[in-house]
């Protein structure tokens, strides 16, 4: 007897384990940093070109939406660095058992969010 397979994949019913969520967030953070490169280079070029453009840059940085964007890029950088370090250890077969993999995934999330909150609070 053959099982009836579902016709549609119900993505909202899939419950990923924490290491899977960290893996997906690692990819999202990398894509976010890649997408932010042109904006960051434009801001850097503008801030270094003249005093007037630097003043405009400071005014732009003071806007709350810009601060949220920079906070998101900061989180992306910190999460990508923490998760990347975790994945390097996994590549050399350190921490591959289930309990350690779940614990390190939790540590990656906690450290990246904590550092983002601390650095964001200091620079806001």
C-alpha atoms as a PDB file:
ATOM      1  CA  UNK A   1       0.000   0.000   0.000  1.00  0.00           C
ATOM      2  CA  UNK A   2       1.364   3.372  -1.014  1.00  0.00           C
ATOM      3  CA  UNK A   3       1.026   6.478   1.174  1.00  0.00           C
ATOM      4  CA  UNK A   4      -0.734   9.499  -0.226  1.00  0.00           C
ATOM      5  CA  UNK A   5       1.738  12.351  -0.416  1.00  0.00           C
ATOM      6  CA  UNK A   6       0.646  15.919   0.210  1.00  0.00           C
ATOM      7  CA  UNK A   7       0.089  18.046  -2.878  1.00  0.00           C
ATOM      8  CA  UNK A   8       1.390  21.242  -1.301  1.00  0.00           C
ATOM      9  CA  UNK A   9       4.218  21.836   1.134  1.00  0.00           C
ATOM     10  CA  UNK A  10       2.775  23.559   4.214  1.00  0.00           C
ATOM     11  CA  UNK A  11       5.698  25.776   5.247  1.00  0.00           C
ATOM     12  CA  UNK A  12       3.829  27.195   8.252  1.00  0.00           C
ATOM     13  CA  UNK A  13       3.572  23.704   9.742  1.00  0.00           C
ATOM     14  CA  UNK A  14       7.288  22.936   9.580  1.00  0.00           C
ATOM     15  CA  UNK A  15       8.964  23.292  12.971  1.00  0.00           C
ATOM     16  CA  UNK A  16      12.688  23.770  12.461  1.00  0.00           C
ATOM     17  CA  UNK A  17      15.048  22.928  15.292  1.00  0.00           C
ATOM     18  CA  UNK A  18      17.125  25.770  16.707  1.00  0.00           C
ATOM     19  CA  UNK A  19      20.285  24.866  14.716  1.00  0.00           C
ATOM     20  CA  UNK A  20      18.200  25.068  11.524  1.00  0.00           C
ATOM     21  CA  UNK A  21      16.930  28.510  12.479  1.00  0.00           C
ATOM     22  CA  UNK A  22      20.507  29.666  13.171  1.00  0.00           C
ATOM     23  CA  UNK A  23      21.561  28.319   9.776  1.00  0.00           C
ATOM     24  CA  UNK A  24      18.800  30.200   7.966  1.00  0.00           C
ATOM     25  CA  UNK A  25      19.543  33.392   9.914  1.00  0.00           C
ATOM     26  CA  UNK A  26      23.215  32.983   8.939  1.00  0.00           C
ATOM     27  CA  UNK A  27      22.211  33.064   5.277  1.00  0.00           C
ATOM     28  CA  UNK A  28      19.828  35.985   5.812  1.00  0.00           C
ATOM     29  CA  UNK A  29      22.491  37.975   7.663  1.00  0.00           C
ATOM     30  CA  UNK A  30      24.985  37.363   4.862  1.00  0.00           C
ATOM     31  CA  UNK A  31      22.476  38.529   2.260  1.00  0.00           C
ATOM     32  CA  UNK A  32      21.640  41.616   4.338  1.00  0.00           C
ATOM     33  CA  UNK A  33      25.291  42.561   4.652  1.00  0.00           C
ATOM     34  CA  UNK A  34      25.806  42.037   0.922  1.00  0.00           C
ATOM     35  CA  UNK A  35      22.787  44.211   0.104  1.00  0.00           C
ATOM     36  CA  UNK A  36      24.037  46.928   2.472  1.00  0.00           C
ATOM     37  CA  UNK A  37      27.450  47.239   0.784  1.00  0.00           C
ATOM     38  CA  UNK A  38      26.430  49.870  -1.819  1.00  0.00           C
ATOM     39  CA  UNK A  39      24.710  52.037   0.795  1.00  0.00           C
ATOM     40  CA  UNK A  40      27.611  51.808   3.211  1.00  0.00           C
ATOM     41  CA  UNK A  41      30.160  52.623   0.488  1.00  0.00           C
ATOM     42  CA  UNK A  42      28.075  55.582  -0.652  1.00  0.00           C
ATOM     43  CA  UNK A  43      27.856  56.859   2.927  1.00  0.00           C
ATOM     44  CA  UNK A  44      31.598  56.417   3.420  1.00  0.00           C
ATOM     45  CA  UNK A  45      32.420  58.195   0.170  1.00  0.00           C
ATOM     46  CA  UNK A  46      30.059  61.030   1.012  1.00  0.00           C
ATOM     47  CA  UNK A  47      31.364  61.472   4.525  1.00  0.00           C
ATOM     48  CA  UNK A  48      34.951  61.733   3.285  1.00  0.00           C
ATOM     49  CA  UNK A  49      34.411  64.015   0.276  1.00  0.00           C
ATOM     50  CA  UNK A  50      33.676  67.402   1.905  1.00  0.00           C
ATOM     51  CA  UNK A  51      32.620  69.083   5.122  1.00  0.00           C
ATOM     52  CA  UNK A  52      29.143  69.803   3.730  1.00  0.00           C
ATOM     53  CA  UNK A  53      28.556  66.178   2.781  1.00  0.00           C
ATOM     54  CA  UNK A  54      29.850  65.079   6.175  1.00  0.00           C
ATOM     55  CA  UNK A  55      27.297  67.365   7.852  1.00  0.00           C
ATOM     56  CA  UNK A  56      24.581  65.885   5.638  1.00  0.00           C
ATOM     57  CA  UNK A  57      25.826  62.420   6.555  1.00  0.00           C
ATOM     58  CA  UNK A  58      25.595  63.232  10.275  1.00  0.00           C
ATOM     59  CA  UNK A  59      22.062  64.551   9.756  1.00  0.00           C
ATOM     60  CA  UNK A  60      21.082  61.382   7.912  1.00  0.00           C
ATOM     61  CA  UNK A  61      22.581  59.173  10.624  1.00  0.00           C
ATOM     62  CA  UNK A  62      20.491  61.003  13.241  1.00  0.00           C
ATOM     63  CA  UNK A  63      17.247  59.853  11.583  1.00  0.00           C
ATOM     64  CA  UNK A  64      15.579  56.937  13.451  1.00  0.00           C
ATOM     65  CA  UNK A  65      14.955  54.888  10.289  1.00  0.00           C
ATOM     66  CA  UNK A  66      18.640  55.102   9.395  1.00  0.00           C
ATOM     67  CA  UNK A  67      19.551  54.069  12.922  1.00  0.00           C
ATOM     68  CA  UNK A  68      17.274  51.028  12.658  1.00  0.00           C
ATOM     69  CA  UNK A  69      18.876  50.104   9.337  1.00  0.00           C
ATOM     70  CA  UNK A  70      22.346  50.385  10.871  1.00  0.00           C
ATOM     71  CA  UNK A  71      21.191  48.357  13.868  1.00  0.00           C
ATOM     72  CA  UNK A  72      19.976  45.624  11.497  1.00  0.00           C
ATOM     73  CA  UNK A  73      23.324  45.639   9.682  1.00  0.00           C
ATOM     74  CA  UNK A  74      25.113  45.487  13.043  1.00  0.00           C
ATOM     75  CA  UNK A  75      23.021  42.460  14.042  1.00  0.00           C
ATOM     76  CA  UNK A  76      23.737  40.856  10.667  1.00  0.00           C
ATOM     77  CA  UNK A  77      27.465  41.327  11.130  1.00  0.00           C
ATOM     78  CA  UNK A  78      27.491  40.018  14.702  1.00  0.00           C
ATOM     79  CA  UNK A  79      25.218  37.054  13.970  1.00  0.00           C
ATOM     80  CA  UNK A  80      27.150  36.143  10.836  1.00  0.00           C
ATOM     81  CA  UNK A  81      30.442  36.233  12.749  1.00  0.00           C
ATOM     82  CA  UNK A  82      29.132  34.154  15.663  1.00  0.00           C
ATOM     83  CA  UNK A  83      27.333  31.612  13.492  1.00  0.00           C
ATOM     84  CA  UNK A  84      30.290  31.437  11.112  1.00  0.00           C
ATOM     85  CA  UNK A  85      32.584  30.578  14.010  1.00  0.00           C
ATOM     86  CA  UNK A  86      30.117  27.880  15.096  1.00  0.00           C
ATOM     87  CA  UNK A  87      30.017  26.464  11.559  1.00  0.00           C
ATOM     88  CA  UNK A  88      33.825  26.405  11.375  1.00  0.00           C
ATOM     89  CA  UNK A  89      33.863  24.230  14.490  1.00  0.00           C
ATOM     90  CA  UNK A  90      31.175  22.016  12.986  1.00  0.00           C
ATOM     91  CA  UNK A  91      33.305  21.664   9.850  1.00  0.00           C
ATOM     92  CA  UNK A  92      36.146  20.184  11.901  1.00  0.00           C
ATOM     93  CA  UNK A  93      33.638  17.877  13.639  1.00  0.00           C
ATOM     94  CA  UNK A  94      33.611  19.685  16.992  1.00  0.00           C
ATOM     95  CA  UNK A  95      30.212  20.022  18.645  1.00  0.00           C
ATOM     96  CA  UNK A  96      28.321  17.853  16.196  1.00  0.00           C
ATOM     97  CA  UNK A  97      26.376  15.814  18.754  1.00  0.00           C
ATOM     98  CA  UNK A  98      22.771  16.902  19.213  1.00  0.00           C
ATOM     99  CA  UNK A  99      23.045  18.366  22.705  1.00  0.00           C
ATOM    100  CA  UNK A 100      26.138  20.450  21.905  1.00  0.00           C
ATOM    101  CA  UNK A 101      24.753  21.592  18.541  1.00  0.00           C
ATOM    102  CA  UNK A 102      21.582  22.860  20.199  1.00  0.00           C
ATOM    103  CA  UNK A 103      23.545  24.544  22.983  1.00  0.00           C
ATOM    104  CA  UNK A 104      25.909  26.322  20.579  1.00  0.00           C
ATOM    105  CA  UNK A 105      22.971  27.448  18.432  1.00  0.00           C
ATOM    106  CA  UNK A 106      21.380  28.966  21.530  1.00  0.00           C
ATOM    107  CA  UNK A 107      24.696  30.637  22.440  1.00  0.00           C
ATOM    108  CA  UNK A 108      24.997  32.117  18.933  1.00  0.00           C
ATOM    109  CA  UNK A 109      21.535  33.666  19.187  1.00  0.00           C
ATOM    110  CA  UNK A 110      22.071  34.924  22.730  1.00  0.00           C
ATOM    111  CA  UNK A 111      25.508  36.406  22.053  1.00  0.00           C
ATOM    112  CA  UNK A 112      24.593  38.081  18.768  1.00  0.00           C
ATOM    113  CA  UNK A 113      21.393  39.610  20.150  1.00  0.00           C
ATOM    114  CA  UNK A 114      23.073  40.674  23.393  1.00  0.00           C
ATOM    115  CA  UNK A 115      26.005  42.311  21.631  1.00  0.00           C
ATOM    116  CA  UNK A 116      23.625  44.042  19.221  1.00  0.00           C
ATOM    117  CA  UNK A 117      21.579  45.392  22.141  1.00  0.00           C
ATOM    118  CA  UNK A 118      24.665  46.544  24.051  1.00  0.00           C
ATOM    119  CA  UNK A 119      26.408  48.199  21.102  1.00  0.00           C
ATOM    120  CA  UNK A 120      23.124  49.655  19.849  1.00  0.00           C
ATOM    121  CA  UNK A 121      22.353  51.140  23.258  1.00  0.00           C
ATOM    122  CA  UNK A 122      25.837  52.642  23.514  1.00  0.00           C
ATOM    123  CA  UNK A 123      25.695  54.231  20.059  1.00  0.00           C
ATOM    124  CA  UNK A 124      22.020  55.235  19.851  1.00  0.00           C
END
